[in-house]
Amino acid sequence: MDFLKKVLKGAKSLEKKLDKLEDVVEKAAKQKKGSSSAKKILGKLKKKF
């Protein structure tokens, strides 16, 4: 059971980090409307998760 708890904890912290990253990328995309690279990164992230 300990192992499963550690895995779940790790997954939750990873999810939080991804949410923060997504926010940062979205803000960058809004600031630079011509920033297609930020939108591409966001699209790739959404496809993976």
C-alpha atoms as a PDB file:
ATOM      1  CA  MET A   1       0.000   0.000   0.000  1.00  0.00           C
ATOM      2  CA  ASP A   2       2.854   2.391   0.760  1.00  0.00           C
ATOM      3  CA  PHE A   3       4.105   2.157  -2.793  1.00  0.00           C
ATOM      4  CA  LEU A   4       0.674   3.005  -4.229  1.00  0.00           C
ATOM      5  CA  LYS A   5       0.369   5.998  -1.913  1.00  0.00           C
ATOM      6  CA  LYS A   6       3.766   7.274  -3.069  1.00  0.00           C
ATOM      7  CA  VAL A   7       2.786   6.830  -6.716  1.00  0.00           C
ATOM      8  CA  LEU A   8      -0.492   8.689  -6.193  1.00  0.00           C
ATOM      9  CA  LYS A   9       1.278  11.471  -4.306  1.00  0.00           C
ATOM     10  CA  GLY A  10       3.815  11.797  -7.110  1.00  0.00           C
ATOM     11  CA  ALA A  11       1.078  11.870  -9.729  1.00  0.00           C
ATOM     12  CA  LYS A  12      -0.782  14.613  -7.868  1.00  0.00           C
ATOM     13  CA  SER A  13       2.317  16.787  -7.506  1.00  0.00           C
ATOM     14  CA  LEU A  14       3.135  16.255 -11.193  1.00  0.00           C
ATOM     15  CA  GLU A  15      -0.414  17.283 -12.086  1.00  0.00           C
ATOM     16  CA  LYS A  16      -0.041  20.478 -10.037  1.00  0.00           C
ATOM     17  CA  LYS A  17       3.239  21.288 -11.784  1.00  0.00           C
ATOM     18  CA  LEU A  18       1.643  20.689 -15.177  1.00  0.00           C
ATOM     19  CA  ASP A  19      -1.264  22.978 -14.272  1.00  0.00           C
ATOM     20  CA  LYS A  20       1.195  25.717 -13.321  1.00  0.00           C
ATOM     21  CA  LEU A  21       3.145  25.166 -16.539  1.00  0.00           C
ATOM     22  CA  GLU A  22      -0.077  25.328 -18.544  1.00  0.00           C
ATOM     23  CA  ASP A  23      -0.987  28.640 -16.887  1.00  0.00           C
ATOM     24  CA  VAL A  24       2.445  30.064 -17.681  1.00  0.00           C
ATOM     25  CA  VAL A  25       2.247  28.945 -21.299  1.00  0.00           C
ATOM     26  CA  GLU A  26      -1.284  30.357 -21.664  1.00  0.00           C
ATOM     27  CA  LYS A  27      -0.185  33.714 -20.239  1.00  0.00           C
ATOM     28  CA  ALA A  28       2.773  33.781 -22.613  1.00  0.00           C
ATOM     29  CA  ALA A  29       0.497  32.934 -25.536  1.00  0.00           C
ATOM     30  CA  LYS A  30      -1.854  35.785 -24.603  1.00  0.00           C
ATOM     31  CA  GLN A  31       0.967  38.307 -24.188  1.00  0.00           C
ATOM     32  CA  LYS A  32       2.503  37.504 -27.552  1.00  0.00           C
ATOM     33  CA  LYS A  33      -0.344  36.855 -29.938  1.00  0.00           C
ATOM     34  CA  GLY A  34       2.144  35.801 -32.603  1.00  0.00           C
ATOM     35  CA  SER A  35       3.702  33.221 -30.285  1.00  0.00           C
ATOM     36  CA  SER A  36       2.678  30.066 -32.077  1.00  0.00           C
ATOM     37  CA  SER A  37       5.374  28.055 -30.312  1.00  0.00           C
ATOM     38  CA  ALA A  38       3.650  28.530 -26.946  1.00  0.00           C
ATOM     39  CA  LYS A  39       0.374  27.390 -28.478  1.00  0.00           C
ATOM     40  CA  LYS A  40       2.087  24.362 -30.007  1.00  0.00           C
ATOM     41  CA  ILE A  41       3.575  23.415 -26.626  1.00  0.00           C
ATOM     42  CA  LEU A  42       0.165  23.761 -24.997  1.00  0.00           C
ATOM     43  CA  GLY A  43      -1.405  21.617 -27.697  1.00  0.00           C
ATOM     44  CA  LYS A  44       1.216  18.899 -27.219  1.00  0.00           C
ATOM     45  CA  LEU A  45       0.702  18.957 -23.446  1.00  0.00           C
ATOM     46  CA  LYS A  46      -3.059  18.581 -23.814  1.00  0.00           C
ATOM     47  CA  LYS A  47      -2.614  15.654 -26.216  1.00  0.00           C
ATOM     48  CA  LYS A  48      -0.310  13.835 -23.797  1.00  0.00           C
ATOM     49  CA  PHE A  49      -2.527  14.234 -20.735  1.00  0.00           C
END
